[in-house]
Amino acid sequence: MHIIDSITPILISSDYGDNNILGQPLGLKTIGIIKITTNAGEYGFGESYIAIYIPELFETLVNYIAKYLTNKSFKDPREIYESFFIPFCSSNGLLASIYSAIDIALWDITCKSSKKSLNDFLKLENNNNFNFYFSGGSAAFNPNEITDEIETVNKKIFKGYKMRIGKANWAYDLKRIESARKKWDQFLMLDSIMGTIRPPLEAHEWSTKLSSLEEFNPLWLEEPLDPENIEGINKIKSFNFRISLALGESLTGKLGIRAYLKNENLDFLQLDVTNCGGISMLISMLQEIRLSKKRITMHVWGSPLAFSANLKFASILQNVEWVEYPGVKLHCFDELDKNYYSNSPNFEKYLYEYQFTSIDFTEVKKKHPYVDGTGFVMPN
């Protein structure tokens, strides 16, 4: 039995890539980490995707949730997940995203203390059938920069490469895609980032664009619309049914996930345990996700912990086909996890180790404290 003694928010601001980042005018990105300590001195870390957008609210919301959970006992993190309920607030949105980090930290404690992997603790069969894709291709990259990046990617480990489109004009984006396809002969994913860009494209604006994408044979077109425009997915498919569509990183609860699962025109559902409500929430939906036979790809953005947590969940769900590997790095972790940042990362380490991370984020924060103004700012 574990008893929660403290829940502590940790904000870390880091250099990121070449510091030319859409929506980050200071050239830094902030991640939100939670440390949970038990009264026996055990501790675990979790991460919330939403903190990169609203770090100012992260600490406030973590401390708010902590009032409900401190001193609670658990053998299994799902007990805490089931007990945390605030009507109309906790099942979706910001609180659900923040809770994701708490849940990951609880599973970190549970797996370490039991000396069992997530699969072993849950007594579930391993999924060994997914592949990894390298997620790079910044929307700010020109065709030559995309080519240069692809030349650094280990094709034996990464079977897919994802690049961003949607910020530049369409003719220039096609040149960027062409440069990628000339260098990359495996699976190519295109992320339109319409969950970020404002105003986003409407479905009818894709009617003439889709045919020009076919020659590049993308595995999927990601976020071609605002994620809430679920009816627009059907319209895009009516224009061109041959290009697969992917959405889901914005989802923070069962309602949105179920709506996406039931949409036959959505080919790939993207799940992220650092945003959707945590591992426990997705375990509660495991059977319906399996039965849906929807193709699943794990969305990952953040520290090596975000990758590890999503990878561990991927190992318990047979529908998962792909796991995202962020190609652009948070430099505060360069020296702390050289395996993760190497050209040939050993992903088995993250699959089978009991702990979710070996990084002590409290030490990282001392060198990389939160910088005010590093939340998302929509560019003009």
Protein backbone atom coordinates (compact mmCIF):
# COMPACT_ATOMS: atom_id res chain seq x y z
CA MET A 1 0.00 0.00 0.00
CA HIS A 2 1.27 3.47 -0.91
CA ILE A 3 0.16 6.73 0.69
CA ILE A 4 0.60 9.99 -1.24
CA ASP A 5 2.61 12.42 0.85
CA SER A 6 3.21 15.23 -1.64
CA ILE A 7 2.53 16.25 -5.24
CA THR A 8 4.98 18.85 -6.52
CA PRO A 9 4.88 20.75 -9.85
CA ILE A 10 8.21 21.27 -11.64
CA LEU A 11 8.53 23.69 -14.56
CA ILE A 12 11.68 23.47 -16.71
CA SER A 13 12.52 25.91 -19.52
CA SER A 14 14.98 24.69 -22.11
CA ASP A 15 16.65 25.58 -25.38
CA TYR A 16 14.90 23.63 -28.10
CA GLY A 17 16.30 22.65 -31.48
CA ASP A 18 17.76 25.71 -33.19
CA ASN A 19 15.49 27.98 -31.08
CA ASN A 20 13.51 28.99 -34.19
CA ILE A 21 10.17 27.72 -32.89
CA LEU A 22 6.62 28.45 -34.03
CA GLY A 23 4.77 30.14 -31.18
CA GLN A 24 7.81 30.41 -28.87
CA PRO A 25 9.18 33.98 -29.29
CA LEU A 26 11.85 33.54 -26.59
CA GLY A 27 13.34 30.50 -28.31
CA LEU A 28 12.66 28.34 -25.25
CA LYS A 29 10.11 25.67 -24.45
CA THR A 30 8.78 24.89 -21.00
CA ILE A 31 7.75 21.41 -19.92
CA GLY A 32 5.59 20.51 -16.92
CA ILE A 33 6.71 17.68 -14.66
CA ILE A 34 5.07 16.35 -11.50
CA LYS A 35 6.91 14.61 -8.68
CA ILE A 36 4.87 12.45 -6.32
CA THR A 37 6.40 11.27 -3.06
CA THR A 38 4.87 8.68 -0.73
CA ASN A 39 5.12 8.61 3.04
CA ALA A 40 7.58 5.71 2.66
CA GLY A 41 9.92 7.91 0.62
CA GLU A 42 9.11 6.36 -2.75
CA TYR A 43 8.79 8.82 -5.62
CA GLY A 44 7.80 8.95 -9.26
CA PHE A 45 7.73 11.51 -12.06
CA GLY A 46 5.02 12.30 -14.61
CA GLU A 47 4.68 14.77 -17.48
CA SER A 48 1.80 16.83 -18.89
CA TYR A 49 1.80 17.91 -22.54
CA ILE A 50 -0.43 20.93 -21.87
CA ALA A 51 2.25 22.70 -19.82
CA ILE A 52 4.15 23.76 -22.95
CA TYR A 53 1.18 25.96 -23.86
CA ILE A 54 0.10 27.30 -20.47
CA PRO A 55 2.96 26.89 -17.99
CA GLU A 56 1.57 29.77 -15.93
CA LEU A 57 -1.51 27.68 -15.10
CA PHE A 58 0.33 24.40 -14.62
CA GLU A 59 1.55 25.00 -11.09
CA THR A 60 -1.80 26.39 -9.97
CA LEU A 61 -3.75 23.41 -11.32
CA VAL A 62 -1.30 20.83 -9.94
CA ASN A 63 -1.56 22.36 -6.48
CA TYR A 64 -5.35 22.44 -6.79
CA ILE A 65 -5.58 18.74 -7.66
CA ALA A 66 -3.06 17.91 -4.92
CA LYS A 67 -5.61 19.02 -2.31
CA TYR A 68 -7.88 16.17 -3.40
CA LEU A 69 -5.21 13.47 -3.56
CA THR A 70 -2.69 14.08 -0.77
CA ASN A 71 -2.90 11.39 1.94
CA LYS A 72 -4.84 9.02 -0.32
CA SER A 73 -3.66 5.41 -0.36
CA PHE A 74 -3.39 3.05 -3.31
CA LYS A 75 -2.05 -0.31 -4.43
CA ASP A 76 -2.93 0.36 -8.05
CA PRO A 77 -2.99 3.86 -9.68
CA ARG A 78 -6.40 3.08 -11.12
CA GLU A 79 -7.80 3.42 -7.60
CA ILE A 80 -6.70 7.07 -7.51
CA TYR A 81 -7.99 7.65 -11.03
CA GLU A 82 -11.44 6.35 -10.07
CA SER A 83 -11.52 8.45 -6.89
CA PHE A 84 -10.62 11.79 -8.51
CA PHE A 85 -13.86 13.32 -9.74
CA ILE A 86 -15.03 16.92 -9.95
CA PRO A 87 -18.37 17.21 -11.81
CA PHE A 88 -18.08 18.71 -15.29
CA CYS A 89 -14.36 19.48 -14.75
CA SER A 90 -12.14 16.47 -14.21
CA SER A 91 -13.10 14.18 -17.10
CA ASN A 92 -11.93 16.46 -19.94
CA GLY A 93 -9.89 19.58 -20.55
CA LEU A 94 -7.09 21.11 -18.52
CA LEU A 95 -7.62 19.11 -15.34
CA ALA A 96 -7.60 15.84 -17.29
CA SER A 97 -4.38 16.82 -19.04
CA ILE A 98 -2.74 17.77 -15.75
CA TYR A 99 -3.99 14.54 -14.17
CA SER A 100 -2.15 12.65 -16.93
CA ALA A 101 1.15 13.60 -15.30
CA ILE A 102 -0.08 12.55 -11.85
CA ASP A 103 -1.19 9.18 -13.19
CA ILE A 104 2.15 8.57 -14.94
CA ALA A 105 4.00 9.39 -11.70
CA LEU A 106 1.79 6.93 -9.80
CA TRP A 107 2.55 4.20 -12.33
CA ASP A 108 6.25 5.03 -12.08
CA ILE A 109 6.04 4.44 -8.31
CA THR A 110 3.96 1.28 -8.74
CA CYS A 111 6.20 -0.38 -11.32
CA LYS A 112 9.39 0.45 -9.44
CA SER A 113 8.08 -0.77 -6.08
CA SER A 114 6.65 -4.00 -7.54
CA LYS A 115 9.72 -4.52 -9.77
CA LYS A 116 7.37 -5.27 -12.63
CA SER A 117 6.98 -3.74 -16.05
CA LEU A 118 3.59 -2.26 -16.93
CA ASN A 119 2.77 -5.40 -18.94
CA ASP A 120 3.72 -7.71 -16.10
CA PHE A 121 1.83 -5.72 -13.49
CA LEU A 122 -1.31 -5.74 -15.62
CA LYS A 123 -0.71 -9.34 -16.78
CA LEU A 124 -1.16 -8.35 -20.40
CA GLU A 125 0.47 -9.71 -23.54
CA ASN A 126 3.21 -7.60 -25.08
CA ASN A 127 2.57 -5.75 -28.33
CA ASN A 128 5.81 -6.08 -30.30
CA ASN A 129 4.42 -5.10 -33.68
CA PHE A 130 4.77 -1.32 -33.71
CA ASN A 131 7.37 0.81 -35.49
CA PHE A 132 9.03 4.12 -34.63
CA TYR A 133 8.92 7.27 -36.70
CA PHE A 134 11.26 10.24 -36.54
CA SER A 135 9.26 13.42 -35.99
CA GLY A 136 11.10 16.41 -37.43
CA GLY A 137 10.59 18.52 -40.53
CA SER A 138 9.96 21.80 -38.74
CA ALA A 139 7.46 24.09 -40.44
CA ALA A 140 10.30 26.64 -40.52
CA PHE A 141 12.67 24.31 -42.45
CA ASN A 142 13.38 25.02 -46.09
CA PRO A 143 13.81 22.11 -48.56
CA ASN A 144 17.59 21.93 -48.02
CA GLU A 145 17.22 21.86 -44.22
CA ILE A 146 14.73 18.99 -44.51
CA THR A 147 17.21 17.09 -46.70
CA ASP A 148 20.00 17.74 -44.21
CA GLU A 149 17.89 16.48 -41.33
CA ILE A 150 16.88 13.29 -43.11
CA GLU A 151 20.54 12.46 -43.72
CA THR A 152 21.03 12.27 -39.93
CA VAL A 153 18.12 9.84 -39.35
CA ASN A 154 18.92 6.18 -38.68
CA LYS A 155 16.74 4.34 -41.19
CA LYS A 156 17.30 0.98 -39.53
CA ILE A 157 15.55 2.20 -36.38
CA PHE A 158 13.05 4.68 -37.84
CA LYS A 159 10.70 3.35 -40.51
CA GLY A 160 8.83 6.65 -40.81
CA TYR A 161 9.64 10.35 -41.09
CA LYS A 162 7.16 13.12 -40.24
CA MET A 163 7.40 16.70 -41.43
CA ARG A 164 5.25 19.76 -40.81
CA ILE A 165 3.34 21.61 -43.50
CA GLY A 166 0.66 24.30 -43.42
CA LYS A 167 2.59 27.39 -42.38
CA ALA A 168 4.06 28.23 -45.80
CA ASN A 169 2.11 28.72 -49.02
CA TRP A 170 1.02 25.52 -50.73
CA ALA A 171 3.43 25.68 -53.69
CA TYR A 172 6.39 26.04 -51.33
CA ASP A 173 5.12 23.25 -49.08
CA LEU A 174 5.00 20.94 -52.10
CA LYS A 175 8.67 21.70 -52.78
CA ARG A 176 9.45 20.90 -49.16
CA ILE A 177 7.55 17.60 -49.37
CA GLU A 178 9.32 16.77 -52.64
CA SER A 179 12.71 17.29 -51.00
CA ALA A 180 11.73 14.90 -48.22
CA ARG A 181 10.40 12.22 -50.55
CA LYS A 182 13.56 12.28 -52.68
CA LYS A 183 15.65 11.48 -49.62
CA TRP A 184 13.20 9.30 -47.66
CA ASP A 185 12.10 6.03 -49.30
CA GLN A 186 10.18 4.64 -46.32
CA PHE A 187 6.91 5.82 -44.74
CA LEU A 188 6.32 9.59 -44.93
CA MET A 189 3.87 11.37 -42.63
CA LEU A 190 2.62 14.93 -43.23
CA ASP A 191 1.46 17.04 -40.27
CA SER A 192 -0.63 20.05 -41.28
CA ILE A 193 -0.57 21.46 -37.70
CA MET A 194 -4.10 22.86 -37.99
CA GLY A 195 -4.51 22.39 -34.26
CA THR A 196 -1.93 25.18 -33.97
CA ILE A 197 -2.38 27.42 -37.02
CA ARG A 198 -5.05 30.12 -36.90
CA PRO A 199 -7.19 30.41 -38.88
CA PRO A 200 -7.10 26.69 -39.70
CA LEU A 201 -7.94 25.37 -43.14
CA GLU A 202 -11.54 24.38 -43.80
CA ALA A 203 -12.43 21.05 -45.38
CA HIS A 204 -13.32 22.55 -48.79
CA GLU A 205 -9.82 24.07 -49.06
CA TRP A 206 -8.37 20.56 -49.34
CA SER A 207 -10.42 19.66 -52.41
CA THR A 208 -7.66 20.76 -54.82
CA LYS A 209 -4.69 20.04 -52.53
CA LEU A 210 -5.17 16.32 -51.96
CA SER A 211 -4.49 15.17 -55.52
CA SER A 212 -1.09 16.86 -55.48
CA LEU A 213 -0.20 14.94 -52.33
CA GLU A 214 -0.93 11.54 -53.82
CA GLU A 215 2.27 11.40 -55.86
CA PHE A 216 4.25 11.55 -52.60
CA ASN A 217 2.35 8.55 -51.18
CA PRO A 218 2.11 9.75 -47.56
CA LEU A 219 1.18 7.20 -44.91
CA TRP A 220 -1.11 9.81 -43.40
CA LEU A 221 -2.14 13.46 -43.48
CA GLU A 222 -2.26 14.69 -39.88
CA GLU A 223 -4.45 17.45 -38.45
CA PRO A 224 -5.68 18.78 -41.81
CA LEU A 225 -8.43 20.59 -39.87
CA ASP A 226 -9.10 22.02 -36.46
CA PRO A 227 -9.36 18.90 -34.26
CA GLU A 228 -12.92 19.84 -33.26
CA ASN A 229 -14.08 19.83 -36.89
CA ILE A 230 -14.86 16.12 -36.88
CA GLU A 231 -17.51 16.44 -39.61
CA GLY A 232 -14.86 17.96 -41.85
CA ILE A 233 -13.00 14.65 -41.79
CA ASN A 234 -15.89 13.06 -43.68
CA LYS A 235 -15.86 15.84 -46.25
CA ILE A 236 -12.12 15.50 -46.88
CA LYS A 237 -12.58 11.77 -47.44
CA SER A 238 -15.28 12.50 -49.99
CA PHE A 239 -12.71 14.50 -51.97
CA ASN A 240 -10.06 11.76 -51.80
CA PHE A 241 -10.52 8.46 -49.95
CA ARG A 242 -7.01 7.21 -50.80
CA ILE A 243 -5.13 9.52 -48.40
CA SER A 244 -5.29 8.36 -44.80
CA LEU A 245 -6.12 10.89 -42.09
CA ALA A 246 -4.72 11.10 -38.55
CA LEU A 247 -5.97 13.10 -35.55
CA GLY A 248 -6.11 12.83 -31.78
CA GLU A 249 -3.25 14.49 -29.91
CA SER A 250 -5.62 17.16 -28.57
CA LEU A 251 -7.98 14.67 -26.91
CA THR A 252 -8.27 14.86 -23.13
CA GLY A 253 -11.02 12.41 -22.23
CA LYS A 254 -13.31 9.53 -23.17
CA LEU A 255 -15.89 11.64 -24.99
CA GLY A 256 -13.48 12.82 -27.68
CA ILE A 257 -11.75 9.46 -27.99
CA ARG A 258 -15.05 7.66 -28.48
CA ALA A 259 -16.16 10.16 -31.12
CA TYR A 260 -12.92 9.59 -33.04
CA LEU A 261 -13.09 5.80 -32.62
CA LYS A 262 -16.54 5.78 -34.20
CA ASN A 263 -15.57 7.92 -37.19
CA GLU A 264 -14.90 5.46 -40.02
CA ASN A 265 -13.18 8.15 -42.07
CA LEU A 266 -10.46 8.69 -39.46
CA ASP A 267 -7.77 6.16 -40.30
CA PHE A 268 -5.25 6.73 -37.48
CA LEU A 269 -6.16 7.75 -33.94
CA GLN A 270 -3.29 9.53 -32.16
CA LEU A 271 -3.20 8.99 -28.41
CA ASP A 272 -0.90 10.67 -25.90
CA VAL A 273 -0.83 9.46 -22.29
CA THR A 274 0.64 12.82 -21.19
CA ASN A 275 -2.50 14.63 -22.34
CA CYS A 276 -5.56 12.38 -22.64
CA GLY A 277 -6.02 11.64 -18.93
CA GLY A 278 -3.18 9.23 -18.29
CA ILE A 279 -2.43 5.54 -18.57
CA SER A 280 -5.22 4.58 -16.17
CA MET A 281 -7.83 6.37 -18.25
CA LEU A 282 -6.73 4.55 -21.41
CA ILE A 283 -6.60 1.21 -19.58
CA SER A 284 -10.27 1.78 -18.68
CA MET A 285 -10.95 2.05 -22.44
CA LEU A 286 -8.61 -0.73 -23.51
CA GLN A 287 -11.32 -3.17 -24.51
CA GLU A 288 -13.32 -0.71 -26.62
CA ILE A 289 -10.15 0.57 -28.33
CA ARG A 290 -9.17 -3.01 -29.15
CA LEU A 291 -12.62 -3.90 -30.42
CA SER A 292 -12.76 -0.79 -32.59
CA LYS A 293 -9.77 -2.11 -34.57
CA LYS A 294 -8.81 1.53 -35.11
CA ARG A 295 -5.18 1.96 -36.13
CA ILE A 296 -3.40 3.68 -33.24
CA THR A 297 -0.27 5.81 -33.27
CA MET A 298 1.23 7.25 -30.08
CA HIS A 299 1.82 11.00 -30.15
CA VAL A 300 4.90 12.12 -28.23
CA TRP A 301 6.22 15.56 -27.43
CA GLY A 302 8.42 16.48 -24.49
CA SER A 303 11.17 14.91 -22.43
CA PRO A 304 12.39 11.28 -22.58
CA LEU A 305 9.78 10.62 -19.88
CA ALA A 306 6.94 11.50 -22.27
CA PHE A 307 8.41 9.06 -24.77
CA SER A 308 8.88 6.33 -22.17
CA ALA A 309 5.33 6.62 -20.82
CA ASN A 310 3.77 6.46 -24.29
CA LEU A 311 6.02 3.57 -25.30
CA LYS A 312 5.04 1.57 -22.22
CA PHE A 313 1.36 2.07 -23.03
CA ALA A 314 1.98 1.09 -26.67
CA SER A 315 3.30 -2.23 -25.40
CA ILE A 316 -0.09 -3.19 -23.88
CA LEU A 317 -2.37 -2.31 -26.81
CA GLN A 318 -2.27 -4.50 -29.91
CA ASN A 319 -3.80 -1.78 -32.13
CA VAL A 320 -0.73 0.47 -31.79
CA GLU A 321 1.23 0.56 -35.06
CA TRP A 322 3.53 3.56 -34.57
CA VAL A 323 5.29 5.45 -31.79
CA GLU A 324 6.50 9.00 -32.40
CA TYR A 325 10.09 9.95 -31.53
CA PRO A 326 10.62 13.73 -31.24
CA GLY A 327 13.51 14.55 -33.52
CA VAL A 328 13.94 18.08 -32.18
CA LYS A 329 15.50 18.00 -28.73
CA LEU A 330 15.15 19.80 -25.45
CA HIS A 331 18.83 20.51 -24.82
CA CYS A 332 18.53 20.42 -21.04
CA PHE A 333 18.49 16.61 -21.33
CA ASP A 334 21.41 16.21 -23.75
CA GLU A 335 23.82 14.94 -21.13
CA LEU A 336 21.29 13.18 -18.90
CA ASP A 337 20.07 10.54 -21.32
CA LYS A 338 22.68 10.06 -24.03
CA ASN A 339 21.04 6.83 -25.15
CA TYR A 340 17.81 8.66 -25.97
CA TYR A 341 19.63 11.40 -27.86
CA SER A 342 22.02 9.13 -29.72
CA ASN A 343 21.69 8.32 -33.41
CA SER A 344 20.90 4.71 -32.47
CA PRO A 345 18.68 4.84 -29.37
CA ASN A 346 17.98 1.58 -27.56
CA PHE A 347 14.21 1.68 -27.18
CA GLU A 348 14.07 -1.70 -25.44
CA LYS A 349 15.50 0.04 -22.40
CA TYR A 350 12.35 2.15 -22.08
CA LEU A 351 10.07 -0.81 -22.72
CA TYR A 352 11.32 -3.21 -20.11
CA GLU A 353 12.81 -1.13 -17.29
CA TYR A 354 10.58 -0.91 -14.22
CA GLN A 355 11.06 2.83 -13.76
CA PHE A 356 9.69 5.24 -16.32
CA THR A 357 12.73 7.54 -16.21
CA SER A 358 16.18 7.76 -14.69
CA ILE A 359 16.16 11.56 -14.86
CA ASP A 360 15.98 13.54 -11.61
CA PHE A 361 13.91 16.51 -12.77
CA THR A 362 14.43 18.39 -9.51
CA GLU A 363 18.14 18.58 -10.40
CA VAL A 364 17.39 19.61 -13.99
CA LYS A 365 15.23 22.48 -12.72
CA LYS A 366 18.18 23.89 -10.73
CA LYS A 367 20.09 24.45 -13.97
CA HIS A 368 17.10 25.21 -16.18
CA PRO A 369 14.49 27.09 -14.10
CA TYR A 370 11.20 28.30 -15.49
CA VAL A 371 11.43 31.43 -17.63
CA ASP A 372 8.36 33.66 -17.62
CA GLY A 373 6.85 34.23 -21.05
CA THR A 374 7.76 30.84 -22.52
CA GLY A 375 4.15 29.77 -22.98
CA PHE A 376 2.64 29.61 -26.47
CA VAL A 377 2.12 32.93 -28.26
CA MET A 378 0.29 32.90 -31.59
CA PRO A 379 2.58 34.51 -34.20
CA ASN A 380 1.25 37.35 -36.34
